[in-house]
């Protein structure tokens, strides 16, 4: 196996962990046809390589009171560095993801809010950042597909 590639067993373990990060090594082993110690060795190796950065839960945003979601595009003045953008949006608890992108938009942030009024307040605060010239928002009507970060089936990682 190439050092940067995942083999089929690693991929299967990662997919199983993405489905249930609380699964025991024995449970994972039953799913991928390995012993618990073999699974543990592979998980330890994946952690050492940085493939697995941690274990978490997937929460239902609506159950937490976040009923509104939007993607907000930020157009920046001049040459605003990604570090400046990151420093600003990290302070917003409503921002769940932020990415610099190609095209005329500089930054896209995914925002979760309690309701439309809360979303409007967040967008107003984002627009007031010193490096932002304007914003454009797209409100999510239905989240149709949400996948955890897992390699595709078949070892195509």
C-alpha atoms as a PDB file:
ATOM      1  CA  UNK A   1       0.000   0.000   0.000  1.00  0.00           C
ATOM      2  CA  UNK A   2       1.323   3.459  -0.958  1.00  0.00           C
ATOM      3  CA  UNK A   3       1.904   5.567   2.162  1.00  0.00           C
ATOM      4  CA  UNK A   4      -0.683   8.188   1.132  1.00  0.00           C
ATOM      5  CA  UNK A   5      -3.344   5.751  -0.077  1.00  0.00           C
ATOM      6  CA  UNK A   6      -5.911   3.915   1.937  1.00  0.00           C
ATOM      7  CA  UNK A   7      -6.470   0.249   1.287  1.00  0.00           C
ATOM      8  CA  UNK A   8      -9.925  -1.311   1.216  1.00  0.00           C
ATOM      9  CA  UNK A   9      -9.787  -2.312   4.913  1.00  0.00           C
ATOM     10  CA  UNK A  10      -8.797   1.191   6.031  1.00  0.00           C
ATOM     11  CA  UNK A  11     -11.617   2.613   3.922  1.00  0.00           C
ATOM     12  CA  UNK A  12     -14.121   0.161   5.404  1.00  0.00           C
ATOM     13  CA  UNK A  13     -12.992   1.013   8.950  1.00  0.00           C
ATOM     14  CA  UNK A  14     -13.293   4.750   8.265  1.00  0.00           C
ATOM     15  CA  UNK A  15     -16.775   4.341   6.801  1.00  0.00           C
ATOM     16  CA  UNK A  16     -17.863   2.284   9.823  1.00  0.00           C
ATOM     17  CA  UNK A  17     -16.428   4.868  12.237  1.00  0.00           C
ATOM     18  CA  UNK A  18     -18.146   7.686  10.346  1.00  0.00           C
ATOM     19  CA  UNK A  19     -21.420   5.839  10.830  1.00  0.00           C
ATOM     20  CA  UNK A  20     -20.799   5.185  14.535  1.00  0.00           C
ATOM     21  CA  UNK A  21     -17.689   6.661  16.158  1.00  0.00           C
ATOM     22  CA  UNK A  22     -18.614   4.911  19.424  1.00  0.00           C
ATOM     23  CA  UNK A  23     -18.358   1.422  17.935  1.00  0.00           C
ATOM     24  CA  UNK A  24     -15.930  -0.856  19.754  1.00  0.00           C
ATOM     25  CA  UNK A  25     -12.952  -2.375  17.982  1.00  0.00           C
ATOM     26  CA  UNK A  26     -14.732  -5.733  18.185  1.00  0.00           C
ATOM     27  CA  UNK A  27     -17.852  -4.283  16.526  1.00  0.00           C
ATOM     28  CA  UNK A  28     -15.747  -2.660  13.822  1.00  0.00           C
ATOM     29  CA  UNK A  29     -13.848  -5.900  13.343  1.00  0.00           C
ATOM     30  CA  UNK A  30     -17.084  -7.815  12.834  1.00  0.00           C
ATOM     31  CA  UNK A  31     -18.042  -5.355  10.091  1.00  0.00           C
ATOM     32  CA  UNK A  32     -14.712  -5.531   8.256  1.00  0.00           C
ATOM     33  CA  UNK A  33     -13.701  -9.151   8.988  1.00  0.00           C
ATOM     34  CA  UNK A  34     -10.720  -8.346  11.227  1.00  0.00           C
ATOM     35  CA  UNK A  35      -9.924  -9.060  14.865  1.00  0.00           C
ATOM     36  CA  UNK A  36     -10.360  -6.273  17.400  1.00  0.00           C
ATOM     37  CA  UNK A  37      -6.566  -5.939  17.905  1.00  0.00           C
ATOM     38  CA  UNK A  38      -6.031  -5.671  14.130  1.00  0.00           C
ATOM     39  CA  UNK A  39      -8.663  -2.933  13.908  1.00  0.00           C
ATOM     40  CA  UNK A  40      -7.076  -1.090  16.820  1.00  0.00           C
ATOM     41  CA  UNK A  41      -3.644  -1.202  15.124  1.00  0.00           C
ATOM     42  CA  UNK A  42      -5.131   0.182  11.912  1.00  0.00           C
ATOM     43  CA  UNK A  43      -7.070   2.926  13.737  1.00  0.00           C
ATOM     44  CA  UNK A  44      -3.921   3.878  15.674  1.00  0.00           C
ATOM     45  CA  UNK A  45      -1.962   4.024  12.411  1.00  0.00           C
ATOM     46  CA  UNK A  46      -4.686   6.164  10.773  1.00  0.00           C
ATOM     47  CA  UNK A  47      -4.570   8.534  13.752  1.00  0.00           C
ATOM     48  CA  UNK A  48      -0.766   8.745  13.605  1.00  0.00           C
ATOM     49  CA  UNK A  49      -0.946   9.576   9.878  1.00  0.00           C
ATOM     50  CA  UNK A  50      -3.500  12.303  10.571  1.00  0.00           C
ATOM     51  CA  UNK A  51      -6.231  10.607   8.546  1.00  0.00           C
ATOM     52  CA  UNK A  52      -8.350  10.421  11.707  1.00  0.00           C
ATOM     53  CA  UNK A  53      -8.137  13.753  13.507  1.00  0.00           C
ATOM     54  CA  UNK A  54     -10.686  12.975  16.203  1.00  0.00           C
ATOM     55  CA  UNK A  55     -14.004  11.363  17.026  1.00  0.00           C
ATOM     56  CA  UNK A  56     -17.233  13.310  17.202  1.00  0.00           C
ATOM     57  CA  UNK A  57     -21.021  13.199  17.133  1.00  0.00           C
ATOM     58  CA  UNK A  58     -23.399  14.367  14.428  1.00  0.00           C
ATOM     59  CA  UNK A  59     -26.039  16.654  15.852  1.00  0.00           C
ATOM     60  CA  UNK A  60     -29.439  17.665  14.534  1.00  0.00           C
ATOM     61  CA  UNK A  61     -29.240  21.471  14.129  1.00  0.00           C
ATOM     62  CA  UNK A  62     -33.017  21.865  14.462  1.00  0.00           C
ATOM     63  CA  UNK A  63     -32.983  20.024  17.793  1.00  0.00           C
ATOM     64  CA  UNK A  64     -30.460  22.617  18.971  1.00  0.00           C
ATOM     65  CA  UNK A  65     -32.672  25.513  17.869  1.00  0.00           C
ATOM     66  CA  UNK A  66     -30.904  26.256  14.561  1.00  0.00           C
ATOM     67  CA  UNK A  67     -33.874  26.227  12.148  1.00  0.00           C
ATOM     68  CA  UNK A  68     -32.452  28.451   9.397  1.00  0.00           C
ATOM     69  CA  UNK A  69     -29.437  27.792   7.209  1.00  0.00           C
ATOM     70  CA  UNK A  70     -27.835  29.883   4.484  1.00  0.00           C
ATOM     71  CA  UNK A  71     -24.733  30.207   2.374  1.00  0.00           C
ATOM     72  CA  UNK A  72     -23.391  33.741   2.461  1.00  0.00           C
ATOM     73  CA  UNK A  73     -20.956  34.913  -0.178  1.00  0.00           C
ATOM     74  CA  UNK A  74     -18.568  37.662   0.867  1.00  0.00           C
ATOM     75  CA  UNK A  75     -16.962  39.969  -1.683  1.00  0.00           C
ATOM     76  CA  UNK A  76     -13.828  41.541  -0.235  1.00  0.00           C
ATOM     77  CA  UNK A  77     -12.017  44.831  -0.805  1.00  0.00           C
ATOM     78  CA  UNK A  78      -8.640  44.571  -2.502  1.00  0.00           C
ATOM     79  CA  UNK A  79      -6.482  41.647  -1.534  1.00  0.00           C
ATOM     80  CA  UNK A  80      -7.787  40.355   1.767  1.00  0.00           C
ATOM     81  CA  UNK A  81      -5.727  37.436   3.028  1.00  0.00           C
ATOM     82  CA  UNK A  82      -7.326  34.128   3.969  1.00  0.00           C
ATOM     83  CA  UNK A  83      -5.870  34.598   7.474  1.00  0.00           C
ATOM     84  CA  UNK A  84      -7.768  37.886   7.874  1.00  0.00           C
ATOM     85  CA  UNK A  85     -10.976  36.246   6.641  1.00  0.00           C
ATOM     86  CA  UNK A  86     -10.521  33.267   8.977  1.00  0.00           C
ATOM     87  CA  UNK A  87      -9.815  35.470  11.995  1.00  0.00           C
ATOM     88  CA  UNK A  88     -13.034  37.391  11.396  1.00  0.00           C
ATOM     89  CA  UNK A  89     -15.449  34.518  10.732  1.00  0.00           C
ATOM     90  CA  UNK A  90     -14.078  32.284  13.497  1.00  0.00           C
ATOM     91  CA  UNK A  91     -15.672  34.696  15.971  1.00  0.00           C
ATOM     92  CA  UNK A  92     -19.175  33.922  14.664  1.00  0.00           C
ATOM     93  CA  UNK A  93     -20.696  30.898  16.400  1.00  0.00           C
ATOM     94  CA  UNK A  94     -23.299  30.798  13.621  1.00  0.00           C
ATOM     95  CA  UNK A  95     -20.637  30.124  10.970  1.00  0.00           C
ATOM     96  CA  UNK A  96     -20.274  26.355  10.679  1.00  0.00           C
ATOM     97  CA  UNK A  97     -17.984  26.358   7.614  1.00  0.00           C
ATOM     98  CA  UNK A  98     -16.001  28.921   5.657  1.00  0.00           C
ATOM     99  CA  UNK A  99     -14.022  28.544   2.439  1.00  0.00           C
ATOM    100  CA  UNK A 100     -12.155  30.796   0.057  1.00  0.00           C
ATOM    101  CA  UNK A 101     -13.348  30.096  -3.485  1.00  0.00           C
ATOM    102  CA  UNK A 102     -12.563  30.885  -7.100  1.00  0.00           C
ATOM    103  CA  UNK A 103     -14.521  33.371  -9.172  1.00  0.00           C
ATOM    104  CA  UNK A 104     -15.747  36.837  -8.267  1.00  0.00           C
ATOM    105  CA  UNK A 105     -16.692  35.795  -4.728  1.00  0.00           C
ATOM    106  CA  UNK A 106     -13.838  35.670  -2.208  1.00  0.00           C
ATOM    107  CA  UNK A 107     -15.333  33.757   0.706  1.00  0.00           C
ATOM    108  CA  UNK A 108     -18.366  31.512   1.191  1.00  0.00           C
ATOM    109  CA  UNK A 109     -19.641  30.872   4.709  1.00  0.00           C
ATOM    110  CA  UNK A 110     -22.272  28.381   5.786  1.00  0.00           C
ATOM    111  CA  UNK A 111     -24.416  29.923   8.500  1.00  0.00           C
ATOM    112  CA  UNK A 112     -26.944  28.369  10.877  1.00  0.00           C
ATOM    113  CA  UNK A 113     -29.346  30.626  12.741  1.00  0.00           C
ATOM    114  CA  UNK A 114     -32.397  30.374  14.965  1.00  0.00           C
ATOM    115  CA  UNK A 115     -34.686  32.070  12.455  1.00  0.00           C
ATOM    116  CA  UNK A 116     -34.704  34.567   9.579  1.00  0.00           C
ATOM    117  CA  UNK A 117     -34.282  37.562  11.880  1.00  0.00           C
ATOM    118  CA  UNK A 118     -31.233  35.985  13.482  1.00  0.00           C
ATOM    119  CA  UNK A 119     -29.846  35.184  10.016  1.00  0.00           C
ATOM    120  CA  UNK A 120     -30.390  38.785   8.972  1.00  0.00           C
ATOM    121  CA  UNK A 121     -28.439  39.979  12.015  1.00  0.00           C
ATOM    122  CA  UNK A 122     -25.550  37.650  11.221  1.00  0.00           C
ATOM    123  CA  UNK A 123     -25.445  38.796   7.595  1.00  0.00           C
ATOM    124  CA  UNK A 124     -25.494  42.427   8.743  1.00  0.00           C
ATOM    125  CA  UNK A 125     -22.547  41.768  11.075  1.00  0.00           C
ATOM    126  CA  UNK A 126     -20.633  39.968   8.327  1.00  0.00           C
ATOM    127  CA  UNK A 127     -21.300  42.827   5.896  1.00  0.00           C
ATOM    128  CA  UNK A 128     -19.922  45.283   8.475  1.00  0.00           C
ATOM    129  CA  UNK A 129     -16.529  43.548   8.621  1.00  0.00           C
ATOM    130  CA  UNK A 130     -13.927  46.101   7.421  1.00  0.00           C
ATOM    131  CA  UNK A 131     -12.749  43.945   4.504  1.00  0.00           C
ATOM    132  CA  UNK A 132     -16.232  43.159   3.114  1.00  0.00           C
ATOM    133  CA  UNK A 133     -17.541  45.238   0.215  1.00  0.00           C
ATOM    134  CA  UNK A 134     -20.837  43.347  -0.180  1.00  0.00           C
ATOM    135  CA  UNK A 135     -22.580  40.060   0.503  1.00  0.00           C
ATOM    136  CA  UNK A 136     -24.985  37.760  -1.300  1.00  0.00           C
ATOM    137  CA  UNK A 137     -27.024  35.158   0.571  1.00  0.00           C
ATOM    138  CA  UNK A 138     -28.759  31.960  -0.439  1.00  0.00           C
ATOM    139  CA  UNK A 139     -31.164  30.461   2.090  1.00  0.00           C
ATOM    140  CA  UNK A 140     -31.376  26.661   2.235  1.00  0.00           C
ATOM    141  CA  UNK A 141     -34.905  25.327   1.771  1.00  0.00           C
ATOM    142  CA  UNK A 142     -34.163  21.601   2.203  1.00  0.00           C
ATOM    143  CA  UNK A 143     -30.908  19.843   3.033  1.00  0.00           C
ATOM    144  CA  UNK A 144     -31.129  16.875   0.691  1.00  0.00           C
ATOM    145  CA  UNK A 145     -27.752  15.147   1.132  1.00  0.00           C
ATOM    146  CA  UNK A 146     -25.341  15.480   4.057  1.00  0.00           C
ATOM    147  CA  UNK A 147     -22.472  13.047   4.289  1.00  0.00           C
ATOM    148  CA  UNK A 148     -19.749  12.735   6.864  1.00  0.00           C
ATOM    149  CA  UNK A 149     -16.218  13.032   5.501  1.00  0.00           C
ATOM    150  CA  UNK A 150     -15.510   9.457   4.418  1.00  0.00           C
ATOM    151  CA  UNK A 151     -13.608   7.987   1.511  1.00  0.00           C
ATOM    152  CA  UNK A 152     -15.720   6.648  -1.351  1.00  0.00           C
ATOM    153  CA  UNK A 153     -16.502   2.948  -1.337  1.00  0.00           C
ATOM    154  CA  UNK A 154     -14.143   0.725  -3.282  1.00  0.00           C
ATOM    155  CA  UNK A 155     -10.857   2.235  -2.099  1.00  0.00           C
ATOM    156  CA  UNK A 156     -10.900   5.161  -4.547  1.00  0.00           C
ATOM    157  CA  UNK A 157      -9.439   7.435  -1.872  1.00  0.00           C
END
